Amino acid sequence: PLDKEFEYTGGFFNLLNPYALVVGITTVA
């Protein structure tokens, strides 16, 4: 999520979404 000034408007746990975690685990493997 970005605002009109391209500032990130989410929090830390927004980054731990299912798709990102799947990519993260795939990277580890």
mmCIF file of all heavy atoms, coordinates in Angstrom:
data_MODEL
# 
_entry.id   MODEL 
# 
loop_
_atom_site.group_PDB 
_atom_site.id 
_atom_site.type_symbol 
_atom_site.label_atom_id 
_atom_site.label_alt_id 
_atom_site.label_comp_id 
_atom_site.label_asym_id 
_atom_site.label_entity_id 
_atom_site.label_seq_id 
_atom_site.pdbx_PDB_ins_code 
_atom_site.Cartn_x 
_atom_site.Cartn_y 
_atom_site.Cartn_z 
_atom_site.occupancy 
_atom_site.B_iso_or_equiv 
_atom_site.pdbx_formal_charge 
_atom_site.auth_seq_id 
_atom_site.auth_comp_id 
_atom_site.auth_asym_id 
_atom_site.auth_atom_id 
_atom_site.pdbx_PDB_model_num 
ATOM 1   N N   . PRO A 1 1  ? 0.830  -1.222  0.000  1.00 0.00 ? 1  PRO A N   1 
ATOM 2   C CA  . PRO A 1 1  ? 0.000  0.000   0.000  1.00 0.00 ? 1  PRO A CA  1 
ATOM 3   C C   . PRO A 1 1  ? 0.859  1.264   0.000  1.00 0.00 ? 1  PRO A C   1 
ATOM 4   O O   . PRO A 1 1  ? 1.704  1.449   0.870  1.00 0.00 ? 1  PRO A O   1 
ATOM 5   C CB  . PRO A 1 1  ? -0.811 -0.131  1.288  1.00 0.00 ? 1  PRO A CB  1 
ATOM 6   C CG  . PRO A 1 1  ? 0.024  -0.988  2.183  1.00 0.00 ? 1  PRO A CG  1 
ATOM 7   C CD  . PRO A 1 1  ? 0.748  -1.939  1.285  1.00 0.00 ? 1  PRO A CD  1 
ATOM 8   N N   . LEU A 1 2  ? 0.645  2.130   -0.991 1.00 0.00 ? 2  LEU A N   1 
ATOM 9   C CA  . LEU A 1 2  ? 1.368  3.393   -1.101 1.00 0.00 ? 2  LEU A CA  1 
ATOM 10  C C   . LEU A 1 2  ? 0.369  4.539   -1.219 1.00 0.00 ? 2  LEU A C   1 
ATOM 11  O O   . LEU A 1 2  ? -0.689 4.394   -1.845 1.00 0.00 ? 2  LEU A O   1 
ATOM 12  C CB  . LEU A 1 2  ? 2.276  3.395   -2.337 1.00 0.00 ? 2  LEU A CB  1 
ATOM 13  C CG  . LEU A 1 2  ? 3.373  2.334   -2.424 1.00 0.00 ? 2  LEU A CG  1 
ATOM 14  C CD1 . LEU A 1 2  ? 4.054  2.413   -3.791 1.00 0.00 ? 2  LEU A CD1 1 
ATOM 15  C CD2 . LEU A 1 2  ? 4.385  2.500   -1.312 1.00 0.00 ? 2  LEU A CD2 1 
ATOM 16  N N   . ASP A 1 3  ? 0.712  5.693   -0.638 1.00 0.00 ? 3  ASP A N   1 
ATOM 17  C CA  . ASP A 1 3  ? -0.139 6.861   -0.809 1.00 0.00 ? 3  ASP A CA  1 
ATOM 18  C C   . ASP A 1 3  ? 0.285  7.642   -2.053 1.00 0.00 ? 3  ASP A C   1 
ATOM 19  O O   . ASP A 1 3  ? 1.138  7.191   -2.828 1.00 0.00 ? 3  ASP A O   1 
ATOM 20  C CB  . ASP A 1 3  ? -0.116 7.746   0.448  1.00 0.00 ? 3  ASP A CB  1 
ATOM 21  C CG  . ASP A 1 3  ? 1.276  8.300   0.757  1.00 0.00 ? 3  ASP A CG  1 
ATOM 22  O OD1 . ASP A 1 3  ? 2.135  8.307   -0.157 1.00 0.00 ? 3  ASP A OD1 1 
ATOM 23  O OD2 . ASP A 1 3  ? 1.503  8.735   1.895  1.00 0.00 ? 3  ASP A OD2 1 
ATOM 24  N N   . LYS A 1 4  ? -0.277 8.835   -2.250 1.00 0.00 ? 4  LYS A N   1 
ATOM 25  C CA  . LYS A 1 4  ? 0.016  9.614   -3.450 1.00 0.00 ? 4  LYS A CA  1 
ATOM 26  C C   . LYS A 1 4  ? 1.458  10.106  -3.493 1.00 0.00 ? 4  LYS A C   1 
ATOM 27  O O   . LYS A 1 4  ? 1.971  10.458  -4.561 1.00 0.00 ? 4  LYS A O   1 
ATOM 28  C CB  . LYS A 1 4  ? -0.941 10.804  -3.524 1.00 0.00 ? 4  LYS A CB  1 
ATOM 29  C CG  . LYS A 1 4  ? -2.391 10.398  -3.740 1.00 0.00 ? 4  LYS A CG  1 
ATOM 30  C CD  . LYS A 1 4  ? -3.299 11.600  -3.821 1.00 0.00 ? 4  LYS A CD  1 
ATOM 31  C CE  . LYS A 1 4  ? -4.754 11.179  -4.018 1.00 0.00 ? 4  LYS A CE  1 
ATOM 32  N NZ  . LYS A 1 4  ? -5.671 12.354  -4.091 1.00 0.00 ? 4  LYS A NZ  1 
ATOM 33  N N   . GLU A 1 5  ? 2.101  10.150  -2.330 1.00 0.00 ? 5  GLU A N   1 
ATOM 34  C CA  . GLU A 1 5  ? 3.499  10.585  -2.261 1.00 0.00 ? 5  GLU A CA  1 
ATOM 35  C C   . GLU A 1 5  ? 4.465  9.402   -2.298 1.00 0.00 ? 5  GLU A C   1 
ATOM 36  O O   . GLU A 1 5  ? 5.648  9.564   -2.032 1.00 0.00 ? 5  GLU A O   1 
ATOM 37  C CB  . GLU A 1 5  ? 3.731  11.387  -0.973 1.00 0.00 ? 5  GLU A CB  1 
ATOM 38  C CG  . GLU A 1 5  ? 2.839  12.602  -0.820 1.00 0.00 ? 5  GLU A CG  1 
ATOM 39  C CD  . GLU A 1 5  ? 3.063  13.629  -1.918 1.00 0.00 ? 5  GLU A CD  1 
ATOM 40  O OE1 . GLU A 1 5  ? 4.218  13.762  -2.349 1.00 0.00 ? 5  GLU A OE1 1 
ATOM 41  O OE2 . GLU A 1 5  ? 2.076  14.257  -2.346 1.00 0.00 ? 5  GLU A OE2 1 
ATOM 42  N N   . PHE A 1 6  ? 3.941  8.229   -2.616 1.00 0.00 ? 6  PHE A N   1 
ATOM 43  C CA  . PHE A 1 6  ? 4.719  6.998   -2.646 1.00 0.00 ? 6  PHE A CA  1 
ATOM 44  C C   . PHE A 1 6  ? 5.293  6.636   -1.273 1.00 0.00 ? 6  PHE A C   1 
ATOM 45  O O   . PHE A 1 6  ? 6.377  6.051   -1.173 1.00 0.00 ? 6  PHE A O   1 
ATOM 46  C CB  . PHE A 1 6  ? 5.859  7.086   -3.670 1.00 0.00 ? 6  PHE A CB  1 
ATOM 47  C CG  . PHE A 1 6  ? 5.384  7.124   -5.095 1.00 0.00 ? 6  PHE A CG  1 
ATOM 48  C CD1 . PHE A 1 6  ? 6.016  7.924   -6.032 1.00 0.00 ? 6  PHE A CD1 1 
ATOM 49  C CD2 . PHE A 1 6  ? 4.298  6.370   -5.505 1.00 0.00 ? 6  PHE A CD2 1 
ATOM 50  C CE1 . PHE A 1 6  ? 5.579  7.965   -7.345 1.00 0.00 ? 6  PHE A CE1 1 
ATOM 51  C CE2 . PHE A 1 6  ? 3.846  6.399   -6.817 1.00 0.00 ? 6  PHE A CE2 1 
ATOM 52  C CZ  . PHE A 1 6  ? 4.486  7.212   -7.743 1.00 0.00 ? 6  PHE A CZ  1 
ATOM 53  N N   . GLU A 1 7  ? 4.555  6.989   -0.228 1.00 0.00 ? 7  GLU A N   1 
ATOM 54  C CA  . GLU A 1 7  ? 4.952  6.608   1.124  1.00 0.00 ? 7  GLU A CA  1 
ATOM 55  C C   . GLU A 1 7  ? 4.237  5.310   1.487  1.00 0.00 ? 7  GLU A C   1 
ATOM 56  O O   . GLU A 1 7  ? 3.042  5.160   1.238  1.00 0.00 ? 7  GLU A O   1 
ATOM 57  C CB  . GLU A 1 7  ? 4.587  7.699   2.132  1.00 0.00 ? 7  GLU A CB  1 
ATOM 58  C CG  . GLU A 1 7  ? 5.348  9.002   1.965  1.00 0.00 ? 7  GLU A CG  1 
ATOM 59  C CD  . GLU A 1 7  ? 6.795  8.886   2.398  1.00 0.00 ? 7  GLU A CD  1 
ATOM 60  O OE1 . GLU A 1 7  ? 7.109  7.951   3.172  1.00 0.00 ? 7  GLU A OE1 1 
ATOM 61  O OE2 . GLU A 1 7  ? 7.611  9.715   1.957  1.00 0.00 ? 7  GLU A OE2 1 
ATOM 62  N N   . TYR A 1 8  ? 4.978  4.380   2.103  1.00 0.00 ? 8  TYR A N   1 
ATOM 63  C CA  . TYR A 1 8  ? 4.395  3.103   2.517  1.00 0.00 ? 8  TYR A CA  1 
ATOM 64  C C   . TYR A 1 8  ? 3.422  3.331   3.662  1.00 0.00 ? 8  TYR A C   1 
ATOM 65  O O   . TYR A 1 8  ? 3.773  3.959   4.675  1.00 0.00 ? 8  TYR A O   1 
ATOM 66  C CB  . TYR A 1 8  ? 5.514  2.147   2.942  1.00 0.00 ? 8  TYR A CB  1 
ATOM 67  C CG  . TYR A 1 8  ? 5.035  0.809   3.456  1.00 0.00 ? 8  TYR A CG  1 
ATOM 68  C CD1 . TYR A 1 8  ? 4.328  -0.062  2.628  1.00 0.00 ? 8  TYR A CD1 1 
ATOM 69  C CD2 . TYR A 1 8  ? 5.292  0.415   4.763  1.00 0.00 ? 8  TYR A CD2 1 
ATOM 70  C CE1 . TYR A 1 8  ? 3.891  -1.296  3.094  1.00 0.00 ? 8  TYR A CE1 1 
ATOM 71  C CE2 . TYR A 1 8  ? 4.860  -0.824  5.236  1.00 0.00 ? 8  TYR A CE2 1 
ATOM 72  C CZ  . TYR A 1 8  ? 4.166  -1.663  4.399  1.00 0.00 ? 8  TYR A CZ  1 
ATOM 73  O OH  . TYR A 1 8  ? 3.728  -2.884  4.860  1.00 0.00 ? 8  TYR A OH  1 
ATOM 74  N N   . THR A 1 9  ? 2.186  2.855   3.535  1.00 0.00 ? 9  THR A N   1 
ATOM 75  C CA  . THR A 1 9  ? 1.150  3.107   4.543  1.00 0.00 ? 9  THR A CA  1 
ATOM 76  C C   . THR A 1 9  ? 0.802  1.865   5.364  1.00 0.00 ? 9  THR A C   1 
ATOM 77  O O   . THR A 1 9  ? -0.100 1.921   6.207  1.00 0.00 ? 9  THR A O   1 
ATOM 78  C CB  . THR A 1 9  ? -0.135 3.641   3.874  1.00 0.00 ? 9  THR A CB  1 
ATOM 79  O OG1 . THR A 1 9  ? -0.606 2.679   2.907  1.00 0.00 ? 9  THR A OG1 1 
ATOM 80  C CG2 . THR A 1 9  ? 0.131  4.970   3.181  1.00 0.00 ? 9  THR A CG2 1 
ATOM 81  N N   . GLY A 1 10 ? 1.482  0.768   5.108  1.00 0.00 ? 10 GLY A N   1 
ATOM 82  C CA  . GLY A 1 10 ? 1.195  -0.457  5.853  1.00 0.00 ? 10 GLY A CA  1 
ATOM 83  C C   . GLY A 1 10 ? 2.091  -0.599  7.068  1.00 0.00 ? 10 GLY A C   1 
ATOM 84  O O   . GLY A 1 10 ? 2.829  0.317   7.446  1.00 0.00 ? 10 GLY A O   1 
ATOM 85  N N   . GLY A 1 11 ? 2.024  -1.752  7.693  1.00 0.00 ? 11 GLY A N   1 
ATOM 86  C CA  . GLY A 1 11 ? 2.859  -2.049  8.851  1.00 0.00 ? 11 GLY A CA  1 
ATOM 87  C C   . GLY A 1 11 ? 3.743  -3.259  8.576  1.00 0.00 ? 11 GLY A C   1 
ATOM 88  O O   . GLY A 1 11 ? 3.741  -3.821  7.481  1.00 0.00 ? 11 GLY A O   1 
ATOM 89  N N   . PHE A 1 12 ? 4.482  -3.663  9.587  1.00 0.00 ? 12 PHE A N   1 
ATOM 90  C CA  . PHE A 1 12 ? 5.417  -4.780  9.433  1.00 0.00 ? 12 PHE A CA  1 
ATOM 91  C C   . PHE A 1 12 ? 4.696  -6.064  9.050  1.00 0.00 ? 12 PHE A C   1 
ATOM 92  O O   . PHE A 1 12 ? 5.133  -6.802  8.160  1.00 0.00 ? 12 PHE A O   1 
ATOM 93  C CB  . PHE A 1 12 ? 6.192  -4.983  10.737 1.00 0.00 ? 12 PHE A CB  1 
ATOM 94  C CG  . PHE A 1 12 ? 7.069  -6.213  10.735 1.00 0.00 ? 12 PHE A CG  1 
ATOM 95  C CD1 . PHE A 1 12 ? 8.217  -6.267  9.972  1.00 0.00 ? 12 PHE A CD1 1 
ATOM 96  C CD2 . PHE A 1 12 ? 6.721  -7.331  11.491 1.00 0.00 ? 12 PHE A CD2 1 
ATOM 97  C CE1 . PHE A 1 12 ? 9.023  -7.399  9.961  1.00 0.00 ? 12 PHE A CE1 1 
ATOM 98  C CE2 . PHE A 1 12 ? 7.519  -8.464  11.489 1.00 0.00 ? 12 PHE A CE2 1 
ATOM 99  C CZ  . PHE A 1 12 ? 8.667  -8.490  10.722 1.00 0.00 ? 12 PHE A CZ  1 
ATOM 100 N N   . PHE A 1 13 ? 3.548  -6.326  9.690  1.00 0.00 ? 13 PHE A N   1 
ATOM 101 C CA  . PHE A 1 13 ? 2.866  -7.599  9.460  1.00 0.00 ? 13 PHE A CA  1 
ATOM 102 C C   . PHE A 1 13 ? 2.154  -7.649  8.109  1.00 0.00 ? 13 PHE A C   1 
ATOM 103 O O   . PHE A 1 13 ? 1.792  -8.719  7.639  1.00 0.00 ? 13 PHE A O   1 
ATOM 104 C CB  . PHE A 1 13 ? 1.884  -7.881  10.609 1.00 0.00 ? 13 PHE A CB  1 
ATOM 105 C CG  . PHE A 1 13 ? 2.575  -8.195  11.903 1.00 0.00 ? 13 PHE A CG  1 
ATOM 106 C CD1 . PHE A 1 13 ? 2.659  -7.235  12.905 1.00 0.00 ? 13 PHE A CD1 1 
ATOM 107 C CD2 . PHE A 1 13 ? 3.182  -9.427  12.105 1.00 0.00 ? 13 PHE A CD2 1 
ATOM 108 C CE1 . PHE A 1 13 ? 3.333  -7.518  14.093 1.00 0.00 ? 13 PHE A CE1 1 
ATOM 109 C CE2 . PHE A 1 13 ? 3.850  -9.718  13.284 1.00 0.00 ? 13 PHE A CE2 1 
ATOM 110 C CZ  . PHE A 1 13 ? 3.923  -8.752  14.280 1.00 0.00 ? 13 PHE A CZ  1 
ATOM 111 N N   . ASN A 1 14 ? 1.959  -6.469  7.485  1.00 0.00 ? 14 ASN A N   1 
ATOM 112 C CA  . ASN A 1 14 ? 1.435  -6.464  6.117  1.00 0.00 ? 14 ASN A CA  1 
ATOM 113 C C   . ASN A 1 14 ? 2.398  -7.140  5.162  1.00 0.00 ? 14 ASN A C   1 
ATOM 114 O O   . ASN A 1 14 ? 2.008  -7.689  4.123  1.00 0.00 ? 14 ASN A O   1 
ATOM 115 C CB  . ASN A 1 14 ? 1.187  -5.030  5.641  1.00 0.00 ? 14 ASN A CB  1 
ATOM 116 C CG  . ASN A 1 14 ? 0.039  -4.368  6.382  1.00 0.00 ? 14 ASN A CG  1 
ATOM 117 O OD1 . ASN A 1 14 ? 0.268  -3.665  7.363  1.00 0.00 ? 14 ASN A OD1 1 
ATOM 118 N ND2 . ASN A 1 14 ? -1.180 -4.569  5.925  1.00 0.00 ? 14 ASN A ND2 1 
ATOM 119 N N   . LEU A 1 15 ? 3.682  -7.075  5.501  1.00 0.00 ? 15 LEU A N   1 
ATOM 120 C CA  . LEU A 1 15 ? 4.719  -7.656  4.642  1.00 0.00 ? 15 LEU A CA  1 
ATOM 121 C C   . LEU A 1 15 ? 4.764  -9.174  4.760  1.00 0.00 ? 15 LEU A C   1 
ATOM 122 O O   . LEU A 1 15 ? 5.310  -9.844  3.883  1.00 0.00 ? 15 LEU A O   1 
ATOM 123 C CB  . LEU A 1 15 ? 6.087  -7.064  5.004  1.00 0.00 ? 15 LEU A CB  1 
ATOM 124 C CG  . LEU A 1 15 ? 6.194  -5.532  4.919  1.00 0.00 ? 15 LEU A CG  1 
ATOM 125 C CD1 . LEU A 1 15 ? 7.559  -5.082  5.414  1.00 0.00 ? 15 LEU A CD1 1 
ATOM 126 C CD2 . LEU A 1 15 ? 5.950  -5.062  3.499  1.00 0.00 ? 15 LEU A CD2 1 
ATOM 127 N N   . LEU A 1 16 ? 4.194  -9.705  5.842  1.00 0.00 ? 16 LEU A N   1 
ATOM 128 C CA  . LEU A 1 16 ? 4.217  -11.157 6.059  1.00 0.00 ? 16 LEU A CA  1 
ATOM 129 C C   . LEU A 1 16 ? 2.939  -11.793 5.515  1.00 0.00 ? 16 LEU A C   1 
ATOM 130 O O   . LEU A 1 16 ? 2.304  -12.611 6.175  1.00 0.00 ? 16 LEU A O   1 
ATOM 131 C CB  . LEU A 1 16 ? 4.392  -11.463 7.544  1.00 0.00 ? 16 LEU A CB  1 
ATOM 132 C CG  . LEU A 1 16 ? 5.668  -10.903 8.193  1.00 0.00 ? 16 LEU A CG  1 
ATOM 133 C CD1 . LEU A 1 16 ? 5.717  -11.260 9.670  1.00 0.00 ? 16 LEU A CD1 1 
ATOM 134 C CD2 . LEU A 1 16 ? 6.908  -11.418 7.484  1.00 0.00 ? 16 LEU A CD2 1 
ATOM 135 N N   . ASN A 1 17 ? 2.558  -11.396 4.303  1.00 0.00 ? 17 ASN A N   1 
ATOM 136 C CA  . ASN A 1 17 ? 1.369  -11.962 3.678  1.00 0.00 ? 17 ASN A CA  1 
ATOM 137 C C   . ASN A 1 17 ? 1.684  -13.345 3.112  1.00 0.00 ? 17 ASN A C   1 
ATOM 138 O O   . ASN A 1 17 ? 2.855  -13.681 2.895  1.00 0.00 ? 17 ASN A O   1 
ATOM 139 C CB  . ASN A 1 17 ? 0.852  -11.026 2.583  1.00 0.00 ? 17 ASN A CB  1 
ATOM 140 C CG  . ASN A 1 17 ? 1.915  -10.728 1.539  1.00 0.00 ? 17 ASN A CG  1 
ATOM 141 O OD1 . ASN A 1 17 ? 2.154  -11.529 0.638  1.00 0.00 ? 17 ASN A OD1 1 
ATOM 142 N ND2 . ASN A 1 17 ? 2.571  -9.574  1.650  1.00 0.00 ? 17 ASN A ND2 1 
ATOM 143 N N   . PRO A 1 18 ? 0.667  -14.169 2.866  1.00 0.00 ? 18 PRO A N   1 
ATOM 144 C CA  . PRO A 1 18 ? 0.902  -15.552 2.420  1.00 0.00 ? 18 PRO A CA  1 
ATOM 145 C C   . PRO A 1 18 ? 1.760  -15.674 1.169  1.00 0.00 ? 18 PRO A C   1 
ATOM 146 O O   . PRO A 1 18 ? 2.654  -16.522 1.100  1.00 0.00 ? 18 PRO A O   1 
ATOM 147 C CB  . PRO A 1 18 ? -0.518 -16.086 2.181  1.00 0.00 ? 18 PRO A CB  1 
ATOM 148 C CG  . PRO A 1 18 ? -1.378 -15.286 3.105  1.00 0.00 ? 18 PRO A CG  1 
ATOM 149 C CD  . PRO A 1 18 ? -0.766 -13.924 3.123  1.00 0.00 ? 18 PRO A CD  1 
ATOM 150 N N   . TYR A 1 19 ? 1.506  -14.819 0.170  1.00 0.00 ? 19 TYR A N   1 
ATOM 151 C CA  . TYR A 1 19 ? 2.280  -14.935 -1.071 1.00 0.00 ? 19 TYR A CA  1 
ATOM 152 C C   . TYR A 1 19 ? 3.757  -14.630 -0.835 1.00 0.00 ? 19 TYR A C   1 
ATOM 153 O O   . TYR A 1 19 ? 4.634  -15.356 -1.312 1.00 0.00 ? 19 TYR A O   1 
ATOM 154 C CB  . TYR A 1 19 ? 1.735  -13.994 -2.138 1.00 0.00 ? 19 TYR A CB  1 
ATOM 155 C CG  . TYR A 1 19 ? 2.492  -14.102 -3.448 1.00 0.00 ? 19 TYR A CG  1 
ATOM 156 C CD1 . TYR A 1 19 ? 2.230  -15.146 -4.327 1.00 0.00 ? 19 TYR A CD1 1 
ATOM 157 C CD2 . TYR A 1 19 ? 3.490  -13.191 -3.782 1.00 0.00 ? 19 TYR A CD2 1 
ATOM 158 C CE1 . TYR A 1 19 ? 2.941  -15.274 -5.517 1.00 0.00 ? 19 TYR A CE1 1 
ATOM 159 C CE2 . TYR A 1 19 ? 4.200  -13.310 -4.961 1.00 0.00 ? 19 TYR A CE2 1 
ATOM 160 C CZ  . TYR A 1 19 ? 3.925  -14.349 -5.827 1.00 0.00 ? 19 TYR A CZ  1 
ATOM 161 O OH  . TYR A 1 19 ? 4.638  -14.476 -6.997 1.00 0.00 ? 19 TYR A OH  1 
ATOM 162 N N   . ALA A 1 20 ? 4.041  -13.568 -0.086 1.00 0.00 ? 20 ALA A N   1 
ATOM 163 C CA  . ALA A 1 20 ? 5.428  -13.208 0.194  1.00 0.00 ? 20 ALA A CA  1 
ATOM 164 C C   . ALA A 1 20 ? 6.137  -14.310 0.983  1.00 0.00 ? 20 ALA A C   1 
ATOM 165 O O   . ALA A 1 20 ? 7.316  -14.602 0.752  1.00 0.00 ? 20 ALA A O   1 
ATOM 166 C CB  . ALA A 1 20 ? 5.486  -11.891 0.961  1.00 0.00 ? 20 ALA A CB  1 
ATOM 167 N N   . LEU A 1 21 ? 5.418  -14.939 1.912  1.00 0.00 ? 21 LEU A N   1 
ATOM 168 C CA  . LEU A 1 21 ? 6.021  -16.019 2.693  1.00 0.00 ? 21 LEU A CA  1 
ATOM 169 C C   . LEU A 1 21 ? 6.302  -17.238 1.818  1.00 0.00 ? 21 LEU A C   1 
ATOM 170 O O   . LEU A 1 21 ? 7.327  -17.914 1.999  1.00 0.00 ? 21 LEU A O   1 
ATOM 171 C CB  . LEU A 1 21 ? 5.095  -16.405 3.848  1.00 0.00 ? 21 LEU A CB  1 
ATOM 172 C CG  . LEU A 1 21 ? 4.998  -15.372 4.979  1.00 0.00 ? 21 LEU A CG  1 
ATOM 173 C CD1 . LEU A 1 21 ? 3.936  -15.778 5.990  1.00 0.00 ? 21 LEU A CD1 1 
ATOM 174 C CD2 . LEU A 1 21 ? 6.354  -15.212 5.683  1.00 0.00 ? 21 LEU A CD2 1 
ATOM 175 N N   . VAL A 1 22 ? 5.408  -17.509 0.850  1.00 0.00 ? 22 VAL A N   1 
ATOM 176 C CA  . VAL A 1 22 ? 5.654  -18.615 -0.081 1.00 0.00 ? 22 VAL A CA  1 
ATOM 177 C C   . VAL A 1 22 ? 6.926  -18.354 -0.881 1.00 0.00 ? 22 VAL A C   1 
ATOM 178 O O   . VAL A 1 22 ? 7.771  -19.238 -1.045 1.00 0.00 ? 22 VAL A O   1 
ATOM 179 C CB  . VAL A 1 22 ? 4.445  -18.803 -1.032 1.00 0.00 ? 22 VAL A CB  1 
ATOM 180 C CG1 . VAL A 1 22 ? 4.821  -19.702 -2.214 1.00 0.00 ? 22 VAL A CG1 1 
ATOM 181 C CG2 . VAL A 1 22 ? 3.276  -19.410 -0.283 1.00 0.00 ? 22 VAL A CG2 1 
ATOM 182 N N   . VAL A 1 23 ? 7.076  -17.119 -1.375 1.00 0.00 ? 23 VAL A N   1 
ATOM 183 C CA  . VAL A 1 23 ? 8.288  -16.763 -2.127 1.00 0.00 ? 23 VAL A CA  1 
ATOM 184 C C   . VAL A 1 23 ? 9.516  -16.835 -1.221 1.00 0.00 ? 23 VAL A C   1 
ATOM 185 O O   . VAL A 1 23 ? 10.588 -17.291 -1.634 1.00 0.00 ? 23 VAL A O   1 
ATOM 186 C CB  . VAL A 1 23 ? 8.154  -15.360 -2.748 1.00 0.00 ? 23 VAL A CB  1 
ATOM 187 C CG1 . VAL A 1 23 ? 9.448  -14.952 -3.459 1.00 0.00 ? 23 VAL A CG1 1 
ATOM 188 C CG2 . VAL A 1 23 ? 6.998  -15.320 -3.732 1.00 0.00 ? 23 VAL A CG2 1 
ATOM 189 N N   . GLY A 1 24 ? 9.361  -16.407 0.034  1.00 0.00 ? 24 GLY A N   1 
ATOM 190 C CA  . GLY A 1 24 ? 10.472 -16.463 0.978  1.00 0.00 ? 24 GLY A CA  1 
ATOM 191 C C   . GLY A 1 24 ? 10.933 -17.885 1.250  1.00 0.00 ? 24 GLY A C   1 
ATOM 192 O O   . GLY A 1 24 ? 12.136 -18.178 1.238  1.00 0.00 ? 24 GLY A O   1 
ATOM 193 N N   . ILE A 1 25 ? 9.988  -18.791 1.477  1.00 0.00 ? 25 ILE A N   1 
ATOM 194 C CA  . ILE A 1 25 ? 10.327 -20.197 1.735  1.00 0.00 ? 25 ILE A CA  1 
ATOM 195 C C   . ILE A 1 25 ? 10.928 -20.836 0.489  1.00 0.00 ? 25 ILE A C   1 
ATOM 196 O O   . ILE A 1 25 ? 11.875 -21.632 0.574  1.00 0.00 ? 25 ILE A O   1 
ATOM 197 C CB  . ILE A 1 25 ? 9.082  -20.969 2.214  1.00 0.00 ? 25 ILE A CB  1 
ATOM 198 C CG1 . ILE A 1 25 ? 8.622  -20.437 3.575  1.00 0.00 ? 25 ILE A CG1 1 
ATOM 199 C CG2 . ILE A 1 25 ? 9.369  -22.466 2.313  1.00 0.00 ? 25 ILE A CG2 1 
ATOM 200 C CD1 . ILE A 1 25 ? 7.275  -20.958 4.023  1.00 0.00 ? 25 ILE A CD1 1 
ATOM 201 N N   . THR A 1 26 ? 10.404 -20.474 -0.678 1.00 0.00 ? 26 THR A N   1 
ATOM 202 C CA  . THR A 1 26 ? 10.963 -20.997 -1.932 1.00 0.00 ? 26 THR A CA  1 
ATOM 203 C C   . THR A 1 26 ? 12.398 -20.536 -2.115 1.00 0.00 ? 26 THR A C   1 
ATOM 204 O O   . THR A 1 26 ? 13.255 -21.295 -2.569 1.00 0.00 ? 26 THR A O   1 
ATOM 205 C CB  . THR A 1 26 ? 10.109 -20.526 -3.130 1.00 0.00 ? 26 THR A CB  1 
ATOM 206 O OG1 . THR A 1 26 ? 8.762  -20.965 -2.952 1.00 0.00 ? 26 THR A OG1 1 
ATOM 207 C CG2 . THR A 1 26 ? 10.647 -21.100 -4.438 1.00 0.00 ? 26 THR A CG2 1 
ATOM 208 N N   . THR A 1 27 ? 12.679 -19.288 -1.740 1.00 0.00 ? 27 THR A N   1 
ATOM 209 C CA  . THR A 1 27 ? 14.042 -18.758 -1.824 1.00 0.00 ? 27 THR A CA  1 
ATOM 210 C C   . THR A 1 27 ? 14.983 -19.526 -0.894 1.00 0.00 ? 27 THR A C   1 
ATOM 211 O O   . THR A 1 27 ? 16.118 -19.839 -1.258 1.00 0.00 ? 27 THR A O   1 
ATOM 212 C CB  . THR A 1 27 ? 14.066 -17.262 -1.465 1.00 0.00 ? 27 THR A CB  1 
ATOM 213 O OG1 . THR A 1 27 ? 13.169 -16.554 -2.333 1.00 0.00 ? 27 THR A OG1 1 
ATOM 214 C CG2 . THR A 1 27 ? 15.466 -16.684 -1.618 1.00 0.00 ? 27 THR A CG2 1 
ATOM 215 N N   . VAL A 1 28 ? 14.515 -19.827 0.302  1.00 0.00 ? 28 VAL A N   1 
ATOM 216 C CA  . VAL A 1 28 ? 15.321 -20.622 1.248  1.00 0.00 ? 28 VAL A CA  1 
ATOM 217 C C   . VAL A 1 28 ? 15.649 -21.980 0.645  1.00 0.00 ? 28 VAL A C   1 
ATOM 218 O O   . VAL A 1 28 ? 16.801 -22.430 0.675  1.00 0.00 ? 28 VAL A O   1 
ATOM 219 C CB  . VAL A 1 28 ? 14.552 -20.791 2.586  1.00 0.00 ? 28 VAL A CB  1 
ATOM 220 C CG1 . VAL A 1 28 ? 15.247 -21.832 3.465  1.00 0.00 ? 28 VAL A CG1 1 
ATOM 221 C CG2 . VAL A 1 28 ? 14.481 -19.456 3.320  1.00 0.00 ? 28 VAL A CG2 1 
ATOM 222 N N   . ALA A 1 29 ? 14.641 -22.658 0.079  1.00 0.00 ? 29 ALA A N   1 
ATOM 223 C CA  . ALA A 1 29 ? 14.860 -23.976 -0.529 1.00 0.00 ? 29 ALA A CA  1 
ATOM 224 C C   . ALA A 1 29 ? 15.801 -23.877 -1.732 1.00 0.00 ? 29 ALA A C   1 
ATOM 225 O O   . ALA A 1 29 ? 16.666 -24.737 -1.931 1.00 0.00 ? 29 ALA A O   1 
ATOM 226 C CB  . ALA A 1 29 ? 13.517 -24.572 -0.958 1.00 0.00 ? 29 ALA A CB  1 
# 
